[in-house]
Protein backbone atom coordinates (compact mmCIF):
# COMPACT_ATOMS: atom_id res chain seq x y z
CA UNK A 1 22.21 22.92 -36.21
CA UNK A 2 20.22 26.11 -37.06
CA UNK A 3 17.20 25.48 -38.98
CA UNK A 4 13.93 27.24 -40.47
CA UNK A 5 10.51 25.33 -40.17
CA UNK A 6 8.06 26.25 -43.21
CA UNK A 7 4.30 24.69 -42.72
CA UNK A 8 2.74 24.21 -46.24
CA UNK A 9 -0.87 25.70 -45.86
CA UNK A 10 -3.50 24.85 -48.90
CA UNK A 11 -6.97 26.37 -48.52
CA UNK A 12 -8.95 24.11 -50.79
CA UNK A 13 -8.40 20.51 -49.73
CA UNK A 14 -10.32 17.75 -52.12
CA UNK A 15 -11.19 16.49 -48.86
CA UNK A 16 -11.37 19.23 -46.60
CA UNK A 17 -11.53 22.79 -48.05
CA UNK A 18 -10.60 25.10 -45.26
CA UNK A 19 -8.67 22.83 -43.00
CA UNK A 20 -6.31 24.53 -41.66
CA UNK A 21 -8.20 27.42 -40.14
CA UNK A 22 -11.16 24.59 -38.88
CA UNK A 23 -11.22 24.96 -34.92
CA UNK A 24 -9.39 22.60 -32.66
CA UNK A 25 -10.06 22.90 -29.14
CA UNK A 26 -10.44 26.81 -29.38
CA UNK A 27 -7.87 27.78 -32.06
CA UNK A 28 -7.40 27.29 -35.86
CA UNK A 29 -6.03 23.76 -36.38
CA UNK A 30 -2.79 25.63 -38.28
CA UNK A 31 -2.52 27.70 -34.75
CA UNK A 32 -1.87 24.02 -33.01
CA UNK A 33 0.60 23.29 -35.94
CA UNK A 34 2.48 26.47 -35.61
CA UNK A 35 2.91 26.88 -32.08
CA UNK A 36 4.22 23.42 -31.19
CA UNK A 37 7.45 24.09 -34.77
CA UNK A 38 7.56 27.29 -32.51
CA UNK A 39 9.02 24.99 -29.45
CA UNK A 40 11.44 23.26 -31.20
CA UNK A 41 15.18 24.33 -30.11
CA UNK A 42 16.91 23.67 -33.42
CA UNK A 43 14.60 25.86 -34.94
CA UNK A 44 15.30 29.86 -35.97
CA UNK A 45 12.12 30.66 -36.61
CA UNK A 46 8.81 29.17 -37.92
CA UNK A 47 6.92 30.72 -41.31
CA UNK A 48 3.09 29.25 -42.71
CA UNK A 49 3.61 29.28 -46.56
CA UNK A 50 0.13 29.95 -47.84
CA UNK A 51 -1.76 30.56 -50.85
CA UNK A 52 -5.24 32.06 -49.40
CA UNK A 53 -5.31 35.70 -47.53
CA UNK A 54 -7.62 33.87 -44.83
CA UNK A 55 -5.07 31.84 -42.85
CA UNK A 56 -1.84 34.15 -44.02
CA UNK A 57 -4.19 36.88 -41.53
CA UNK A 58 -5.14 34.33 -39.10
CA UNK A 59 -1.40 32.98 -38.73
CA UNK A 60 -0.42 37.34 -38.64
CA UNK A 61 -3.29 37.69 -36.23
CA UNK A 62 -2.29 34.78 -33.66
CA UNK A 63 1.08 36.40 -33.96
CA UNK A 64 2.93 34.05 -36.72
CA UNK A 65 5.00 34.42 -39.56
CA UNK A 66 2.96 33.99 -42.61
CA UNK A 67 4.25 34.03 -46.78
CA UNK A 68 1.92 33.95 -49.70
CA UNK A 69 2.68 32.00 -52.28
CA UNK A 70 1.08 30.73 -55.53
CA UNK A 71 -2.38 28.76 -55.84
CA UNK A 72 -0.73 26.82 -58.81
CA UNK A 73 1.96 24.66 -56.66
CA UNK A 74 1.01 20.91 -57.35
CA UNK A 75 2.79 20.01 -53.63
CA UNK A 76 3.80 21.30 -50.65
CA UNK A 77 7.45 21.18 -51.59
CA UNK A 78 6.88 23.39 -54.49
CA UNK A 79 5.29 25.72 -51.94
CA UNK A 80 8.19 25.48 -49.84
CA UNK A 81 10.82 26.31 -52.14
CA UNK A 82 8.61 29.35 -53.50
CA UNK A 83 8.85 30.71 -49.53
CA UNK A 84 12.68 30.16 -49.48
CA UNK A 85 12.84 31.99 -52.52
CA UNK A 86 10.94 34.64 -50.72
CA UNK A 87 13.19 34.72 -48.06
CA UNK A 88 16.47 34.22 -50.07
CA UNK A 89 17.13 38.79 -49.22
CA UNK A 90 15.85 38.64 -45.85
CA UNK A 91 17.91 37.66 -42.67
CA UNK A 92 16.80 34.36 -42.81
CA UNK A 93 18.78 33.50 -46.74
CA UNK A 94 22.27 33.33 -45.03
CA UNK A 95 24.44 29.83 -44.68
CA UNK A 96 23.39 29.92 -41.19
CA UNK A 97 20.14 28.42 -42.19
CA UNK A 98 21.16 25.85 -44.64
CA UNK A 99 18.13 23.75 -43.16
CA UNK A 100 14.72 24.15 -43.74
CA UNK A 101 12.25 22.00 -42.63
CA UNK A 102 9.05 20.77 -43.83
CA UNK A 103 5.93 19.84 -41.18
CA UNK A 104 2.70 19.31 -42.26
CA UNK A 105 0.18 22.15 -41.77
CA UNK A 106 -2.40 19.19 -40.98
CA UNK A 107 -0.26 17.66 -38.25
CA UNK A 108 -1.94 19.52 -34.68
CA UNK A 109 -0.22 16.75 -32.44
CA UNK A 110 3.67 17.21 -33.83
CA UNK A 111 5.83 16.76 -31.67
CA UNK A 112 8.76 19.44 -30.67
CA UNK A 113 11.43 16.86 -30.30
CA UNK A 114 10.47 15.32 -33.81
CA UNK A 115 11.68 18.59 -35.43
CA UNK A 116 14.79 18.68 -33.48
CA UNK A 117 15.47 14.54 -34.87
CA UNK A 118 15.53 15.24 -38.22
CA UNK A 119 17.35 18.37 -37.65
CA UNK A 120 20.26 16.66 -36.04
CA UNK A 121 20.07 14.08 -39.09
CA UNK A 122 21.46 16.56 -40.87
CA UNK A 123 24.74 16.92 -39.03
CA UNK A 124 25.26 13.38 -41.36
CA UNK A 125 26.87 15.51 -44.53
CA UNK A 126 26.13 12.33 -46.83
CA UNK A 127 22.50 13.18 -46.14
CA UNK A 128 20.42 15.39 -48.22
CA UNK A 129 17.13 14.57 -46.28
CA UNK A 130 16.40 13.81 -42.96
CA UNK A 131 12.72 12.16 -42.09
CA UNK A 132 11.26 9.72 -39.33
CA UNK A 133 9.51 6.67 -39.16
CA UNK A 134 7.66 5.05 -36.53
CA UNK A 135 7.28 0.96 -36.20
CA UNK A 136 3.32 -0.49 -36.83
CA UNK A 137 2.49 -1.74 -33.57
CA UNK A 138 -1.58 -2.29 -35.48
CA UNK A 139 -1.50 -5.33 -37.82
CA UNK A 140 -4.17 -3.44 -40.06
CA UNK A 141 -1.76 -0.72 -40.72
CA UNK A 142 0.74 -2.78 -42.62
CA UNK A 143 -1.61 -3.46 -45.52
CA UNK A 144 -3.71 0.61 -45.37
CA UNK A 145 -2.69 2.08 -48.50
CA UNK A 146 -2.97 5.28 -47.01
CA UNK A 147 0.18 4.61 -44.30
CA UNK A 148 3.21 4.82 -45.94
CA UNK A 149 5.87 1.73 -45.09
CA UNK A 150 9.73 2.49 -45.38
CA UNK A 151 12.62 0.57 -45.69
CA UNK A 152 15.93 1.77 -44.65
CA UNK A 153 19.32 0.20 -44.28
CA UNK A 154 21.87 -0.33 -41.74
CA UNK A 155 22.87 3.33 -41.75
CA UNK A 156 19.60 4.32 -41.66
CA UNK A 157 19.52 5.28 -45.31
CA UNK A 158 16.29 5.11 -46.97
CA UNK A 159 15.72 2.57 -49.57
CA UNK A 160 12.26 2.49 -50.72
CA UNK A 161 9.22 4.03 -49.85
CA UNK A 162 5.60 2.22 -50.00
CA UNK A 163 1.96 2.39 -49.40
CA UNK A 164 2.07 -1.41 -50.09
CA UNK A 165 3.61 -3.47 -47.25
CA UNK A 166 7.81 -3.83 -47.48
CA UNK A 167 9.33 -6.07 -46.86
CA UNK A 168 6.91 -8.61 -48.72
CA UNK A 169 7.21 -11.38 -46.58
CA UNK A 170 7.34 -14.32 -48.67
CA UNK A 171 6.48 -16.69 -45.66
CA UNK A 172 3.18 -15.12 -44.95
CA UNK A 173 4.05 -14.39 -41.21
CA UNK A 174 3.57 -10.48 -41.30
CA UNK A 175 3.85 -10.40 -37.39
CA UNK A 176 7.00 -11.83 -36.79
CA UNK A 177 8.17 -8.79 -39.27
CA UNK A 178 9.34 -5.50 -37.84
CA UNK A 179 7.33 -2.92 -40.44
CA UNK A 180 8.06 0.78 -40.06
CA UNK A 181 5.83 3.80 -41.12
CA UNK A 182 7.09 6.78 -42.78
CA UNK A 183 6.10 10.29 -40.79
CA UNK A 184 5.67 12.98 -43.30
CA UNK A 185 8.58 15.87 -41.55
CA UNK A 186 11.15 16.24 -43.78
CA UNK A 187 14.68 18.42 -43.68
CA UNK A 188 16.27 19.33 -46.63
CA UNK A 189 19.62 21.02 -47.30
CA UNK A 190 18.46 24.28 -49.38
CA UNK A 191 19.57 23.48 -52.10
CA UNK A 192 18.58 20.16 -52.47
CA UNK A 193 14.78 21.32 -51.82
CA UNK A 194 15.40 23.96 -54.57
CA UNK A 195 16.41 21.40 -56.98
CA UNK A 196 13.69 18.67 -56.22
CA UNK A 197 11.13 21.62 -56.91
CA UNK A 198 12.44 22.12 -59.77
CA UNK A 199 13.08 18.24 -61.48
CA UNK A 200 10.01 16.68 -63.10
CA UNK A 201 7.85 13.93 -61.57
CA UNK A 202 9.67 10.26 -61.71
CA UNK A 203 7.85 7.14 -62.59
CA UNK A 204 7.59 5.58 -59.19
CA UNK A 205 6.47 8.64 -57.96
CA UNK A 206 3.78 8.96 -60.47
CA UNK A 207 3.12 5.06 -59.71
CA UNK A 208 3.46 5.27 -56.01
CA UNK A 209 1.60 9.23 -55.87
CA UNK A 210 4.50 9.63 -53.31
CA UNK A 211 7.15 13.02 -54.04
CA UNK A 212 9.92 11.05 -51.29
CA UNK A 213 10.35 8.80 -54.48
CA UNK A 214 11.57 11.72 -56.86
CA UNK A 215 14.38 12.18 -54.29
CA UNK A 216 15.23 8.92 -54.48
CA UNK A 217 15.00 7.89 -58.12
CA UNK A 218 17.09 11.45 -58.14
CA UNK A 219 19.89 9.37 -56.49
CA UNK A 220 19.03 12.09 -53.09
CA UNK A 221 20.16 10.24 -50.03
CA UNK A 222 17.36 10.49 -47.46
CA UNK A 223 18.51 9.34 -43.34
CA UNK A 224 15.81 8.23 -41.30
CA UNK A 225 15.27 7.84 -37.65
CA UNK A 226 12.97 6.26 -35.62
CA UNK A 227 10.26 7.76 -33.50
CA UNK A 228 8.60 6.81 -30.48
CA UNK A 229 6.14 9.48 -31.48
CA UNK A 230 2.97 8.70 -32.70
CA UNK A 231 0.84 11.75 -34.49
CA UNK A 232 -2.67 11.89 -36.26
CA UNK A 233 -2.81 13.81 -39.91
CA UNK A 234 -6.48 15.84 -39.83
CA UNK A 235 -7.70 14.46 -43.36
CA UNK A 236 -11.77 14.21 -43.05
CA UNK A 237 -13.87 15.25 -39.96
CA UNK A 238 -13.31 12.22 -38.28
CA UNK A 239 -9.22 13.01 -38.15
CA UNK A 240 -10.42 16.30 -36.67
CA UNK A 241 -12.74 14.68 -33.37
CA UNK A 242 -9.78 12.07 -33.48
CA UNK A 243 -6.73 15.08 -32.10
CA UNK A 244 -10.02 16.56 -30.15
CA UNK A 245 -10.21 14.03 -28.01
CA UNK A 246 -6.51 13.16 -27.70
CA UNK A 247 -5.98 16.81 -26.93
CA UNK A 248 -8.74 16.82 -24.31
CA UNK A 249 -6.99 14.00 -22.43
CA UNK A 250 -3.61 15.39 -22.78
CA UNK A 251 -4.93 18.55 -20.72
C-alpha cells in the first residue's frame, strides 16, 4: 500500500528552540529522522514540512525534500495537511498515494519497520487512522503524565487515549494489568487527514491536550498495532544525550 511520509519540523519549540537542527552524532536531528524514514519499504517519498528557512535549507542541503508551511499551525497535523494540499497538483497527489504517514520530527530512533507496520494497518478498510502502542515495562511510566496510555478493543481499535493510567485497576494491583503506551506515529487516509485538520478542537482533546482524541470524538476509527520497538522523543537536551548514547552503542 504506497504511502507518503511527511515529517513536521517546527523551529520555535517552547522547550527546545531550533531542535530539528541540533547536532546528533554528526548530523542534524532532522536528518536522522529523514534517513530512517526513507528506509521504509512502503513509502514512495519522504518530505519535511517546516515553517523555517534554516530547516528547509538544511534538508535540501543533505539531499532531502522539504515543503515550506505557515508559522501559524497549532499542531503537526495541521502542518502536514497544508503540505498535502501543496502536493495535490504534483505526481504525489494521486489516488495511489492515498495514505499519509506522520513521523514526528523529534524521533531520531524511529525504525523503518514501525512505519511499514502503520501503513499495513490501513489495509483494514474500517480504519481511518493507524498507530502503534508498546507494552509498558517500567512501573513509573504508568503514572507519568508525559507517557500517553491507550486502551483498545479485541480487534485493535482504540477506545481511548489518556495521560492518566488506563485502565484504572480498582483493586490497586497495577502490575498485574497490561498497560500500553502510545507511540506517536500515524498513518492517515488522505481525506481523513484533511477533514480532521478542518475540525475544531474537541472537549476531551482540550482536557487531555491529546490531538488524537479529536478523531475519536468525531467518530473516526483508529487501529492500533502492538510494537516491540522503543523510541525516545527528543524534547530536552537530556533526551538528546540519551539518544546520543543509544546511537553510539548501536554503531
